[in-house]
Amino acid sequence: MFDALIIGGGAAGLQCALVLGSAKGKPFSENKHIGIIAHQKTSHLQTALFNNVLGLTPGTTGESILNSGKAQLKSLYPHVKQIENEKVLELSKTEDVFNIKTNKHTYKSKLVVVAVGYTNLMTIKGLEPYIEPHPRAAIEKNRIWLKNIDHLVDENLYVAGSLAGWRSQFAICAGSGAHVATDILTLWNGGKHVKVHDKIG
């Protein structure tokens, strides 16, 4: 049983996992079980090149970020379980628990973050009622979003990144993932707002 399970290993999903993982020392987070289904085959980062992102060396490729992001998560926050080589097929809910069915296993989680791409090829059974045309993409591209209010799709069901209705820009998608993570931490902290910062000294 996970307390939070992230679906998707792109910019939004990995950033969400990093922020959640970084709160391990907080009393409200220390015993939480966090996981990420780090499926990346359809991520737009596979073909991305970054010259305009603050903090990234010009010429950085999206493919290298996909790899280094998972390595960073594993090195700094090994308690966050990375589930590799599985694709989510179906999402359902029984009482207060989500059932996440992949091509290999079924997982249970109290809370889910959907952070996959926003193409109309996204096929996770159970999300159909929330799918609408993307509000910030050209109609002819057939992009979709999961209708949400401030990243919340339904009770304990979040969406992050371009699928949340944001433009497909790396910094925006990563920020969306961080936003969702701090909302989850705030929830775990009884509604008291949470930010997680590392400081020198």
N, C-alpha and C. Protein backbone atom coordinates (compact mmCIF):
# COMPACT_ATOMS: atom_id res chain seq x y z
N MET A 1 0.85 -1.19 0.00
CA MET A 1 0.00 0.00 0.00
C MET A 1 0.88 1.24 0.00
N PHE A 2 0.71 2.07 -1.01
CA PHE A 2 1.41 3.34 -1.07
C PHE A 2 0.53 4.44 -0.46
N ASP A 3 1.19 5.43 0.11
CA ASP A 3 0.48 6.64 0.52
C ASP A 3 0.32 7.57 -0.66
N ALA A 4 1.30 7.55 -1.57
CA ALA A 4 1.24 8.34 -2.80
C ALA A 4 1.96 7.58 -3.90
N LEU A 5 1.31 7.44 -5.04
CA LEU A 5 1.91 6.77 -6.19
C LEU A 5 1.79 7.69 -7.39
N ILE A 6 2.95 7.98 -8.01
CA ILE A 6 3.01 8.86 -9.17
C ILE A 6 3.07 8.00 -10.42
N ILE A 7 2.26 8.35 -11.41
CA ILE A 7 2.25 7.64 -12.68
C ILE A 7 2.93 8.52 -13.71
N GLY A 8 4.11 8.13 -14.17
CA GLY A 8 4.82 8.89 -15.19
C GLY A 8 6.17 9.37 -14.72
N GLY A 9 7.21 9.12 -15.53
CA GLY A 9 8.58 9.47 -15.14
C GLY A 9 9.18 10.58 -15.96
N GLY A 10 8.37 11.54 -16.42
CA GLY A 10 8.87 12.70 -17.14
C GLY A 10 9.18 13.85 -16.18
N ALA A 11 9.20 15.06 -16.70
CA ALA A 11 9.56 16.23 -15.90
C ALA A 11 8.65 16.40 -14.68
N ALA A 12 7.34 16.34 -14.89
CA ALA A 12 6.39 16.56 -13.79
C ALA A 12 6.45 15.43 -12.77
N GLY A 13 6.47 14.19 -13.25
CA GLY A 13 6.48 13.06 -12.33
C GLY A 13 7.74 12.97 -11.50
N LEU A 14 8.89 13.12 -12.14
CA LEU A 14 10.16 13.05 -11.40
C LEU A 14 10.31 14.21 -10.43
N GLN A 15 9.89 15.42 -10.84
CA GLN A 15 9.99 16.56 -9.93
C GLN A 15 9.07 16.37 -8.72
N CYS A 16 7.89 15.85 -8.95
CA CYS A 16 6.96 15.57 -7.86
C CYS A 16 7.58 14.57 -6.89
N ALA A 17 8.19 13.51 -7.44
CA ALA A 17 8.81 12.48 -6.60
C ALA A 17 9.99 13.03 -5.80
N LEU A 18 10.79 13.90 -6.42
CA LEU A 18 11.93 14.49 -5.73
C LEU A 18 11.51 15.35 -4.55
N VAL A 19 10.47 16.16 -4.74
CA VAL A 19 10.00 17.01 -3.64
C VAL A 19 9.37 16.17 -2.53
N LEU A 20 8.55 15.20 -2.89
CA LEU A 20 7.97 14.33 -1.87
C LEU A 20 9.07 13.58 -1.12
N GLY A 21 10.05 13.08 -1.85
CA GLY A 21 11.14 12.35 -1.22
C GLY A 21 11.96 13.21 -0.29
N SER A 22 12.12 14.49 -0.64
CA SER A 22 12.96 15.38 0.15
C SER A 22 12.36 15.73 1.50
N ALA A 23 11.08 15.41 1.69
CA ALA A 23 10.41 15.73 2.96
C ALA A 23 10.47 14.58 3.96
N LYS A 24 11.30 13.59 3.70
CA LYS A 24 11.35 12.39 4.55
C LYS A 24 11.59 12.72 6.02
N GLY A 25 12.38 13.75 6.29
CA GLY A 25 12.71 14.08 7.68
C GLY A 25 11.61 14.80 8.44
N LYS A 26 10.56 15.19 7.75
CA LYS A 26 9.44 15.88 8.40
C LYS A 26 8.57 14.85 9.13
N PRO A 27 8.12 15.17 10.34
CA PRO A 27 7.31 14.21 11.12
C PRO A 27 6.08 13.70 10.37
N PHE A 28 5.44 14.56 9.59
CA PHE A 28 4.21 14.15 8.91
C PHE A 28 4.48 13.30 7.67
N SER A 29 5.76 13.17 7.29
CA SER A 29 6.09 12.46 6.06
C SER A 29 7.01 11.26 6.26
N GLU A 30 7.59 11.13 7.45
CA GLU A 30 8.67 10.15 7.63
C GLU A 30 8.24 8.70 7.43
N ASN A 31 6.97 8.39 7.67
CA ASN A 31 6.53 7.00 7.53
C ASN A 31 5.67 6.77 6.28
N LYS A 32 5.69 7.73 5.37
CA LYS A 32 4.88 7.61 4.16
C LYS A 32 5.58 6.74 3.13
N HIS A 33 4.80 5.91 2.47
CA HIS A 33 5.31 5.06 1.40
C HIS A 33 4.99 5.72 0.06
N ILE A 34 6.05 6.10 -0.66
CA ILE A 34 5.91 6.85 -1.91
C ILE A 34 6.49 6.02 -3.05
N GLY A 35 5.82 6.02 -4.18
CA GLY A 35 6.33 5.30 -5.34
C GLY A 35 6.11 6.07 -6.63
N ILE A 36 6.87 5.71 -7.64
CA ILE A 36 6.69 6.30 -8.97
C ILE A 36 6.81 5.20 -10.02
N ILE A 37 5.81 5.11 -10.87
CA ILE A 37 5.87 4.21 -12.02
C ILE A 37 6.53 5.02 -13.12
N ALA A 38 7.83 4.77 -13.28
CA ALA A 38 8.68 5.65 -14.09
C ALA A 38 8.71 5.27 -15.56
N HIS A 39 7.54 5.17 -16.14
CA HIS A 39 7.44 4.86 -17.57
C HIS A 39 7.83 6.10 -18.36
N GLN A 40 8.78 5.94 -19.30
CA GLN A 40 9.31 7.11 -20.03
C GLN A 40 9.30 6.96 -21.54
N LYS A 41 8.85 5.86 -22.05
CA LYS A 41 8.98 5.60 -23.50
C LYS A 41 8.25 6.62 -24.35
N THR A 42 7.14 7.16 -23.86
CA THR A 42 6.38 8.11 -24.67
C THR A 42 6.60 9.56 -24.24
N SER A 43 7.55 9.78 -23.33
CA SER A 43 7.81 11.14 -22.86
C SER A 43 8.35 12.02 -23.98
N HIS A 44 7.84 13.24 -24.06
CA HIS A 44 8.35 14.20 -25.05
C HIS A 44 9.80 14.58 -24.77
N LEU A 45 10.28 14.28 -23.57
CA LEU A 45 11.68 14.58 -23.25
C LEU A 45 12.65 13.72 -24.08
N GLN A 46 12.16 12.62 -24.61
CA GLN A 46 13.04 11.72 -25.38
C GLN A 46 13.72 12.44 -26.54
N THR A 47 13.04 13.44 -27.10
CA THR A 47 13.60 14.15 -28.26
C THR A 47 13.86 15.63 -27.98
N ALA A 48 13.82 16.02 -26.72
CA ALA A 48 13.95 17.44 -26.37
C ALA A 48 15.41 17.88 -26.27
N LEU A 49 15.64 19.15 -26.58
CA LEU A 49 16.94 19.79 -26.42
C LEU A 49 16.70 21.10 -25.69
N PHE A 50 17.49 21.36 -24.63
CA PHE A 50 17.25 22.53 -23.80
C PHE A 50 18.37 23.55 -23.88
N ASN A 51 18.00 24.74 -24.33
CA ASN A 51 18.92 25.87 -24.34
C ASN A 51 18.37 27.04 -23.51
N ASN A 52 17.09 26.96 -23.14
CA ASN A 52 16.44 28.12 -22.51
C ASN A 52 15.89 27.82 -21.11
N VAL A 53 16.50 26.86 -20.42
CA VAL A 53 16.02 26.50 -19.08
C VAL A 53 17.04 26.94 -18.03
N LEU A 54 16.60 27.74 -17.08
CA LEU A 54 17.47 28.22 -16.02
C LEU A 54 18.10 27.05 -15.27
N GLY A 55 19.42 27.08 -15.15
CA GLY A 55 20.12 26.06 -14.38
C GLY A 55 20.60 24.87 -15.19
N LEU A 56 20.12 24.73 -16.41
CA LEU A 56 20.57 23.63 -17.27
C LEU A 56 21.59 24.15 -18.26
N THR A 57 22.68 23.43 -18.42
CA THR A 57 23.69 23.80 -19.40
C THR A 57 23.09 23.73 -20.80
N PRO A 58 23.23 24.82 -21.60
CA PRO A 58 22.70 24.76 -22.97
C PRO A 58 23.21 23.53 -23.70
N GLY A 59 22.31 22.89 -24.44
CA GLY A 59 22.65 21.66 -25.14
C GLY A 59 22.26 20.41 -24.37
N THR A 60 21.77 20.58 -23.14
CA THR A 60 21.30 19.42 -22.37
C THR A 60 20.13 18.77 -23.09
N THR A 61 20.15 17.47 -23.18
CA THR A 61 19.07 16.76 -23.85
C THR A 61 18.04 16.25 -22.84
N GLY A 62 16.82 16.12 -23.32
CA GLY A 62 15.78 15.57 -22.48
C GLY A 62 16.06 14.13 -22.09
N GLU A 63 16.64 13.38 -23.01
CA GLU A 63 16.98 11.99 -22.72
C GLU A 63 17.94 11.88 -21.54
N SER A 64 18.92 12.78 -21.49
CA SER A 64 19.88 12.75 -20.37
C SER A 64 19.19 13.11 -19.05
N ILE A 65 18.18 14.00 -19.11
CA ILE A 65 17.46 14.37 -17.89
C ILE A 65 16.61 13.21 -17.39
N LEU A 66 16.02 12.47 -18.31
CA LEU A 66 15.25 11.30 -17.91
C LEU A 66 16.12 10.32 -17.12
N ASN A 67 17.33 10.10 -17.61
CA ASN A 67 18.25 9.17 -16.94
C ASN A 67 18.81 9.75 -15.65
N SER A 68 19.27 10.98 -15.70
CA SER A 68 19.88 11.58 -14.50
C SER A 68 18.84 11.85 -13.42
N GLY A 69 17.61 12.12 -13.84
CA GLY A 69 16.54 12.35 -12.86
C GLY A 69 16.24 11.12 -12.02
N LYS A 70 16.19 9.97 -12.68
CA LYS A 70 15.96 8.73 -11.94
C LYS A 70 17.15 8.39 -11.04
N ALA A 71 18.34 8.68 -11.55
CA ALA A 71 19.54 8.43 -10.74
C ALA A 71 19.58 9.35 -9.53
N GLN A 72 19.21 10.61 -9.72
CA GLN A 72 19.16 11.58 -8.62
C GLN A 72 18.17 11.14 -7.56
N LEU A 73 16.99 10.71 -7.98
CA LEU A 73 15.97 10.25 -7.05
C LEU A 73 16.45 9.03 -6.27
N LYS A 74 17.07 8.10 -6.96
CA LYS A 74 17.56 6.88 -6.31
C LYS A 74 18.69 7.18 -5.33
N SER A 75 19.57 8.11 -5.69
CA SER A 75 20.72 8.44 -4.84
C SER A 75 20.32 9.22 -3.60
N LEU A 76 19.49 10.25 -3.78
CA LEU A 76 19.13 11.13 -2.67
C LEU A 76 17.99 10.59 -1.82
N TYR A 77 17.01 9.97 -2.46
CA TYR A 77 15.79 9.56 -1.76
C TYR A 77 15.44 8.10 -2.12
N PRO A 78 16.29 7.17 -1.71
CA PRO A 78 16.07 5.76 -2.09
C PRO A 78 14.80 5.16 -1.51
N HIS A 79 14.21 5.83 -0.51
CA HIS A 79 12.96 5.31 0.06
C HIS A 79 11.79 5.47 -0.92
N VAL A 80 11.95 6.30 -1.94
CA VAL A 80 10.91 6.42 -2.97
C VAL A 80 11.09 5.26 -3.94
N LYS A 81 10.12 4.39 -3.99
CA LYS A 81 10.23 3.18 -4.81
C LYS A 81 10.02 3.51 -6.29
N GLN A 82 11.02 3.18 -7.10
CA GLN A 82 10.91 3.36 -8.54
C GLN A 82 10.49 2.05 -9.19
N ILE A 83 9.38 2.09 -9.88
CA ILE A 83 8.85 0.91 -10.56
C ILE A 83 9.15 1.06 -12.05
N GLU A 84 10.01 0.19 -12.55
CA GLU A 84 10.49 0.29 -13.93
C GLU A 84 9.78 -0.69 -14.85
N ASN A 85 9.79 -0.36 -16.13
CA ASN A 85 9.33 -1.27 -17.20
C ASN A 85 7.89 -1.73 -17.01
N GLU A 86 7.06 -0.85 -16.49
CA GLU A 86 5.63 -1.16 -16.38
C GLU A 86 4.82 0.02 -16.89
N LYS A 87 3.74 -0.29 -17.56
CA LYS A 87 2.85 0.74 -18.09
C LYS A 87 1.48 0.59 -17.44
N VAL A 88 0.94 1.71 -16.98
CA VAL A 88 -0.36 1.67 -16.31
C VAL A 88 -1.47 1.51 -17.35
N LEU A 89 -2.34 0.54 -17.10
CA LEU A 89 -3.44 0.23 -18.01
C LEU A 89 -4.78 0.71 -17.47
N GLU A 90 -4.93 0.67 -16.14
CA GLU A 90 -6.26 0.96 -15.57
C GLU A 90 -6.12 1.55 -14.17
N LEU A 91 -7.02 2.47 -13.88
CA LEU A 91 -7.08 3.09 -12.56
C LEU A 91 -8.52 3.01 -12.07
N SER A 92 -8.69 2.44 -10.89
CA SER A 92 -10.03 2.35 -10.31
C SER A 92 -9.94 2.64 -8.82
N LYS A 93 -11.09 2.81 -8.19
CA LYS A 93 -11.09 3.16 -6.77
C LYS A 93 -12.12 2.31 -6.05
N THR A 94 -11.69 1.71 -4.95
CA THR A 94 -12.57 0.94 -4.07
C THR A 94 -12.57 1.60 -2.71
N GLU A 95 -13.71 2.15 -2.34
CA GLU A 95 -13.81 2.94 -1.11
C GLU A 95 -12.78 4.07 -1.17
N ASP A 96 -11.79 4.09 -0.30
CA ASP A 96 -10.82 5.18 -0.30
C ASP A 96 -9.46 4.77 -0.85
N VAL A 97 -9.40 3.67 -1.57
CA VAL A 97 -8.12 3.16 -2.07
C VAL A 97 -8.15 3.03 -3.59
N PHE A 98 -7.08 3.54 -4.23
CA PHE A 98 -6.94 3.40 -5.68
C PHE A 98 -6.28 2.07 -6.01
N ASN A 99 -6.76 1.44 -7.07
CA ASN A 99 -6.13 0.24 -7.62
C ASN A 99 -5.49 0.64 -8.95
N ILE A 100 -4.18 0.46 -9.03
CA ILE A 100 -3.45 0.86 -10.23
C ILE A 100 -2.95 -0.41 -10.92
N LYS A 101 -3.56 -0.74 -12.04
CA LYS A 101 -3.22 -1.96 -12.75
C LYS A 101 -2.24 -1.65 -13.88
N THR A 102 -1.10 -2.34 -13.89
CA THR A 102 -0.13 -2.19 -14.97
C THR A 102 -0.14 -3.44 -15.83
N ASN A 103 0.76 -3.49 -16.81
CA ASN A 103 0.86 -4.67 -17.65
C ASN A 103 1.49 -5.85 -16.91
N LYS A 104 1.94 -5.63 -15.66
CA LYS A 104 2.59 -6.71 -14.91
C LYS A 104 2.01 -6.93 -13.51
N HIS A 105 1.56 -5.86 -12.84
CA HIS A 105 1.11 -5.97 -11.45
C HIS A 105 -0.06 -5.04 -11.19
N THR A 106 -0.63 -5.17 -9.98
CA THR A 106 -1.63 -4.23 -9.50
C THR A 106 -1.14 -3.67 -8.17
N TYR A 107 -1.18 -2.34 -8.05
CA TYR A 107 -0.72 -1.66 -6.84
C TYR A 107 -1.91 -0.94 -6.19
N LYS A 108 -1.77 -0.68 -4.91
CA LYS A 108 -2.78 0.06 -4.17
C LYS A 108 -2.16 1.33 -3.60
N SER A 109 -2.92 2.42 -3.63
CA SER A 109 -2.42 3.68 -3.09
C SER A 109 -3.57 4.53 -2.56
N LYS A 110 -3.28 5.28 -1.52
CA LYS A 110 -4.29 6.18 -0.95
C LYS A 110 -4.46 7.43 -1.80
N LEU A 111 -3.43 7.74 -2.58
CA LEU A 111 -3.42 8.96 -3.37
C LEU A 111 -2.65 8.70 -4.66
N VAL A 112 -3.10 9.28 -5.76
CA VAL A 112 -2.45 9.06 -7.06
C VAL A 112 -2.19 10.40 -7.75
N VAL A 113 -1.02 10.51 -8.39
CA VAL A 113 -0.69 11.66 -9.23
C VAL A 113 -0.49 11.13 -10.65
N VAL A 114 -1.28 11.63 -11.60
CA VAL A 114 -1.13 11.23 -13.00
C VAL A 114 -0.27 12.30 -13.68
N ALA A 115 0.90 11.88 -14.15
CA ALA A 115 1.85 12.83 -14.74
C ALA A 115 2.40 12.28 -16.05
N VAL A 116 1.50 11.85 -16.91
CA VAL A 116 1.90 11.33 -18.22
C VAL A 116 1.65 12.41 -19.27
N GLY A 117 2.05 12.14 -20.52
CA GLY A 117 1.92 13.13 -21.58
C GLY A 117 0.47 13.45 -21.93
N TYR A 118 0.31 14.52 -22.71
CA TYR A 118 -1.04 15.03 -23.00
C TYR A 118 -1.52 14.71 -24.40
N THR A 119 -0.95 13.66 -25.03
CA THR A 119 -1.46 13.29 -26.35
C THR A 119 -2.74 12.48 -26.19
N ASN A 120 -3.53 12.47 -27.26
CA ASN A 120 -4.80 11.73 -27.18
C ASN A 120 -4.59 10.23 -27.26
N LEU A 121 -3.32 9.81 -27.30
CA LEU A 121 -3.01 8.37 -27.27
C LEU A 121 -2.94 7.85 -25.84
N MET A 122 -3.03 8.75 -24.87
CA MET A 122 -3.00 8.34 -23.46
C MET A 122 -4.21 7.46 -23.18
N THR A 123 -3.96 6.22 -22.79
CA THR A 123 -5.07 5.27 -22.59
C THR A 123 -4.95 4.58 -21.24
N ILE A 124 -5.38 5.25 -20.21
CA ILE A 124 -5.49 4.64 -18.89
C ILE A 124 -6.98 4.51 -18.60
N LYS A 125 -7.45 3.29 -18.62
CA LYS A 125 -8.87 3.04 -18.40
C LYS A 125 -9.27 3.55 -17.02
N GLY A 126 -10.39 4.23 -16.96
CA GLY A 126 -10.87 4.79 -15.71
C GLY A 126 -10.74 6.30 -15.65
N LEU A 127 -9.91 6.87 -16.54
CA LEU A 127 -9.74 8.32 -16.56
C LEU A 127 -10.63 9.01 -17.60
N GLU A 128 -11.35 8.22 -18.39
CA GLU A 128 -12.16 8.78 -19.48
C GLU A 128 -13.12 9.89 -19.04
N PRO A 129 -13.77 9.77 -17.87
CA PRO A 129 -14.73 10.82 -17.49
C PRO A 129 -14.10 12.20 -17.31
N TYR A 130 -12.79 12.25 -17.12
CA TYR A 130 -12.12 13.52 -16.84
C TYR A 130 -11.45 14.13 -18.06
N ILE A 131 -11.41 13.41 -19.19
CA ILE A 131 -10.67 13.86 -20.36
C ILE A 131 -11.47 14.89 -21.17
N GLU A 132 -10.79 16.01 -21.48
CA GLU A 132 -11.37 17.06 -22.33
C GLU A 132 -10.28 17.59 -23.25
N PRO A 133 -10.66 18.31 -24.33
CA PRO A 133 -9.64 18.93 -25.19
C PRO A 133 -8.76 19.89 -24.39
N HIS A 134 -7.49 19.90 -24.69
CA HIS A 134 -6.53 20.72 -23.94
C HIS A 134 -6.81 22.21 -24.17
N PRO A 135 -6.89 23.01 -23.09
CA PRO A 135 -7.24 24.43 -23.24
C PRO A 135 -6.09 25.32 -23.75
N ARG A 136 -4.86 24.80 -23.76
CA ARG A 136 -3.72 25.64 -24.16
C ARG A 136 -2.90 25.01 -25.28
N ALA A 137 -3.55 24.26 -26.12
CA ALA A 137 -2.87 23.64 -27.26
C ALA A 137 -3.71 23.83 -28.52
N ALA A 138 -3.05 23.84 -29.66
CA ALA A 138 -3.76 23.98 -30.93
C ALA A 138 -4.73 22.81 -31.11
N ILE A 139 -5.94 23.14 -31.54
CA ILE A 139 -6.99 22.12 -31.68
C ILE A 139 -6.55 20.98 -32.60
N GLU A 140 -5.85 21.33 -33.69
CA GLU A 140 -5.47 20.32 -34.67
C GLU A 140 -4.48 19.29 -34.12
N LYS A 141 -3.83 19.60 -32.99
CA LYS A 141 -2.88 18.64 -32.41
C LYS A 141 -3.56 17.58 -31.54
N ASN A 142 -4.86 17.75 -31.29
CA ASN A 142 -5.64 16.76 -30.53
C ASN A 142 -5.05 16.46 -29.16
N ARG A 143 -4.57 17.49 -28.46
CA ARG A 143 -4.05 17.31 -27.11
C ARG A 143 -5.21 17.28 -26.11
N ILE A 144 -4.98 16.60 -25.00
CA ILE A 144 -6.03 16.45 -23.99
C ILE A 144 -5.54 16.94 -22.62
N TRP A 145 -6.47 17.12 -21.72
CA TRP A 145 -6.13 17.37 -20.32
C TRP A 145 -7.11 16.63 -19.44
N LEU A 146 -6.74 16.43 -18.19
CA LEU A 146 -7.69 15.90 -17.21
C LEU A 146 -8.26 17.11 -16.49
N LYS A 147 -9.53 17.33 -16.65
CA LYS A 147 -10.16 18.51 -16.05
C LYS A 147 -9.91 18.53 -14.55
N ASN A 148 -9.42 19.65 -14.06
CA ASN A 148 -9.04 19.74 -12.66
C ASN A 148 -9.19 21.16 -12.15
N ILE A 149 -9.18 21.29 -10.84
CA ILE A 149 -9.10 22.61 -10.20
C ILE A 149 -7.83 22.62 -9.38
N ASP A 150 -6.87 23.45 -9.78
CA ASP A 150 -5.60 23.56 -9.08
C ASP A 150 -4.93 22.20 -8.91
N HIS A 151 -4.90 21.43 -9.99
CA HIS A 151 -4.26 20.11 -10.08
C HIS A 151 -5.08 18.97 -9.45
N LEU A 152 -6.17 19.26 -8.81
CA LEU A 152 -6.97 18.22 -8.17
C LEU A 152 -8.11 17.81 -9.11
N VAL A 153 -8.07 16.55 -9.54
CA VAL A 153 -9.07 16.02 -10.48
C VAL A 153 -10.29 15.53 -9.72
N ASP A 154 -10.03 14.79 -8.65
CA ASP A 154 -11.08 14.23 -7.81
C ASP A 154 -10.43 13.99 -6.45
N GLU A 155 -11.18 13.53 -5.49
CA GLU A 155 -10.61 13.34 -4.16
C GLU A 155 -9.39 12.43 -4.21
N ASN A 156 -8.25 12.96 -3.76
CA ASN A 156 -6.97 12.24 -3.70
C ASN A 156 -6.44 11.81 -5.08
N LEU A 157 -6.97 12.40 -6.14
CA LEU A 157 -6.48 12.15 -7.49
C LEU A 157 -5.99 13.46 -8.09
N TYR A 158 -4.68 13.52 -8.33
CA TYR A 158 -4.05 14.73 -8.84
C TYR A 158 -3.54 14.50 -10.26
N VAL A 159 -3.35 15.60 -10.97
CA VAL A 159 -2.71 15.55 -12.29
C VAL A 159 -1.63 16.62 -12.31
N ALA A 160 -0.52 16.31 -13.01
CA ALA A 160 0.59 17.26 -13.07
C ALA A 160 1.16 17.33 -14.47
N GLY A 161 1.74 18.48 -14.81
CA GLY A 161 2.38 18.66 -16.11
C GLY A 161 1.42 19.10 -17.19
N SER A 162 1.75 18.80 -18.43
CA SER A 162 0.93 19.24 -19.56
C SER A 162 -0.47 18.63 -19.51
N LEU A 163 -0.62 17.45 -18.93
CA LEU A 163 -1.93 16.82 -18.81
C LEU A 163 -2.84 17.57 -17.83
N ALA A 164 -2.24 18.44 -17.02
CA ALA A 164 -3.02 19.26 -16.09
C ALA A 164 -3.59 20.51 -16.76
N GLY A 165 -3.26 20.69 -18.05
CA GLY A 165 -3.77 21.84 -18.78
C GLY A 165 -2.73 22.91 -19.04
N TRP A 166 -1.48 22.64 -18.65
CA TRP A 166 -0.41 23.62 -18.83
C TRP A 166 0.26 23.42 -20.18
N ARG A 167 0.98 24.45 -20.63
CA ARG A 167 1.72 24.35 -21.88
C ARG A 167 2.90 23.40 -21.70
N SER A 168 3.26 22.76 -22.79
CA SER A 168 4.33 21.77 -22.75
C SER A 168 5.69 22.46 -22.79
N GLN A 169 6.05 23.05 -21.68
CA GLN A 169 7.34 23.72 -21.50
C GLN A 169 7.99 23.07 -20.29
N PHE A 170 9.27 22.70 -20.41
CA PHE A 170 9.92 21.92 -19.36
C PHE A 170 9.76 22.54 -17.97
N ALA A 171 10.10 23.83 -17.86
CA ALA A 171 10.05 24.48 -16.55
C ALA A 171 8.63 24.52 -15.98
N ILE A 172 7.65 24.67 -16.87
CA ILE A 172 6.26 24.70 -16.41
C ILE A 172 5.83 23.33 -15.90
N CYS A 173 6.18 22.28 -16.64
CA CYS A 173 5.78 20.93 -16.24
C CYS A 173 6.48 20.51 -14.94
N ALA A 174 7.78 20.82 -14.82
CA ALA A 174 8.49 20.50 -13.59
C ALA A 174 7.89 21.28 -12.42
N GLY A 175 7.58 22.54 -12.64
CA GLY A 175 6.96 23.35 -11.59
C GLY A 175 5.60 22.82 -11.17
N SER A 176 4.85 22.32 -12.14
CA SER A 176 3.55 21.73 -11.85
C SER A 176 3.71 20.50 -10.95
N GLY A 177 4.72 19.68 -11.23
CA GLY A 177 4.99 18.52 -10.38
C GLY A 177 5.37 18.91 -8.97
N ALA A 178 6.19 19.97 -8.84
CA ALA A 178 6.56 20.46 -7.51
C ALA A 178 5.36 21.03 -6.78
N HIS A 179 4.49 21.71 -7.51
CA HIS A 179 3.26 22.27 -6.93
C HIS A 179 2.41 21.17 -6.32
N VAL A 180 2.21 20.11 -7.09
CA VAL A 180 1.40 18.99 -6.60
C VAL A 180 2.04 18.35 -5.37
N ALA A 181 3.36 18.20 -5.40
CA ALA A 181 4.05 17.59 -4.25
C ALA A 181 3.85 18.42 -2.99
N THR A 182 3.95 19.74 -3.10
CA THR A 182 3.76 20.57 -1.90
C THR A 182 2.30 20.57 -1.45
N ASP A 183 1.37 20.40 -2.38
CA ASP A 183 -0.04 20.25 -1.98
C ASP A 183 -0.25 18.95 -1.21
N ILE A 184 0.40 17.88 -1.65
CA ILE A 184 0.28 16.60 -0.95
C ILE A 184 0.91 16.69 0.44
N LEU A 185 2.08 17.30 0.52
CA LEU A 185 2.74 17.46 1.81
C LEU A 185 1.89 18.31 2.75
N THR A 186 1.25 19.34 2.20
CA THR A 186 0.35 20.19 2.99
C THR A 186 -0.82 19.36 3.52
N LEU A 187 -1.36 18.49 2.67
CA LEU A 187 -2.45 17.60 3.08
C LEU A 187 -1.99 16.70 4.23
N TRP A 188 -0.80 16.10 4.08
CA TRP A 188 -0.26 15.23 5.12
C TRP A 188 0.04 16.00 6.40
N ASN A 189 0.27 17.29 6.28
CA ASN A 189 0.59 18.13 7.44
C ASN A 189 -0.65 18.76 8.04
N GLY A 190 -1.79 18.16 7.79
CA GLY A 190 -3.02 18.64 8.39
C GLY A 190 -3.49 19.97 7.86
N GLY A 191 -3.09 20.32 6.64
CA GLY A 191 -3.54 21.57 6.03
C GLY A 191 -2.61 22.75 6.25
N LYS A 192 -1.55 22.56 7.02
CA LYS A 192 -0.58 23.63 7.22
C LYS A 192 0.39 23.64 6.04
N HIS A 193 0.55 24.79 5.41
CA HIS A 193 1.32 24.89 4.18
C HIS A 193 2.76 24.43 4.35
N VAL A 194 3.24 23.69 3.36
CA VAL A 194 4.59 23.09 3.41
C VAL A 194 5.40 23.50 2.18
N LYS A 195 6.64 23.87 2.42
CA LYS A 195 7.65 24.03 1.38
C LYS A 195 8.87 23.28 1.88
N VAL A 196 9.65 22.72 0.97
CA VAL A 196 10.86 21.98 1.39
C VAL A 196 12.06 22.62 0.71
N HIS A 197 12.91 23.24 1.51
CA HIS A 197 14.11 23.90 0.97
C HIS A 197 15.36 23.30 1.59
N ASP A 198 16.39 23.14 0.79
CA ASP A 198 17.71 22.83 1.30
C ASP A 198 18.48 24.15 1.38
N LYS A 199 19.29 24.31 2.43
CA LYS A 199 20.05 25.55 2.59
C LYS A 199 21.50 25.26 2.89
N ILE A 200 22.37 26.15 2.45
CA ILE A 200 23.79 26.04 2.75
C ILE A 200 24.01 26.37 4.22
N GLY A 201 24.80 25.53 4.88
CA GLY A 201 25.06 25.79 6.31
C GLY A 201 23.95 25.32 7.15
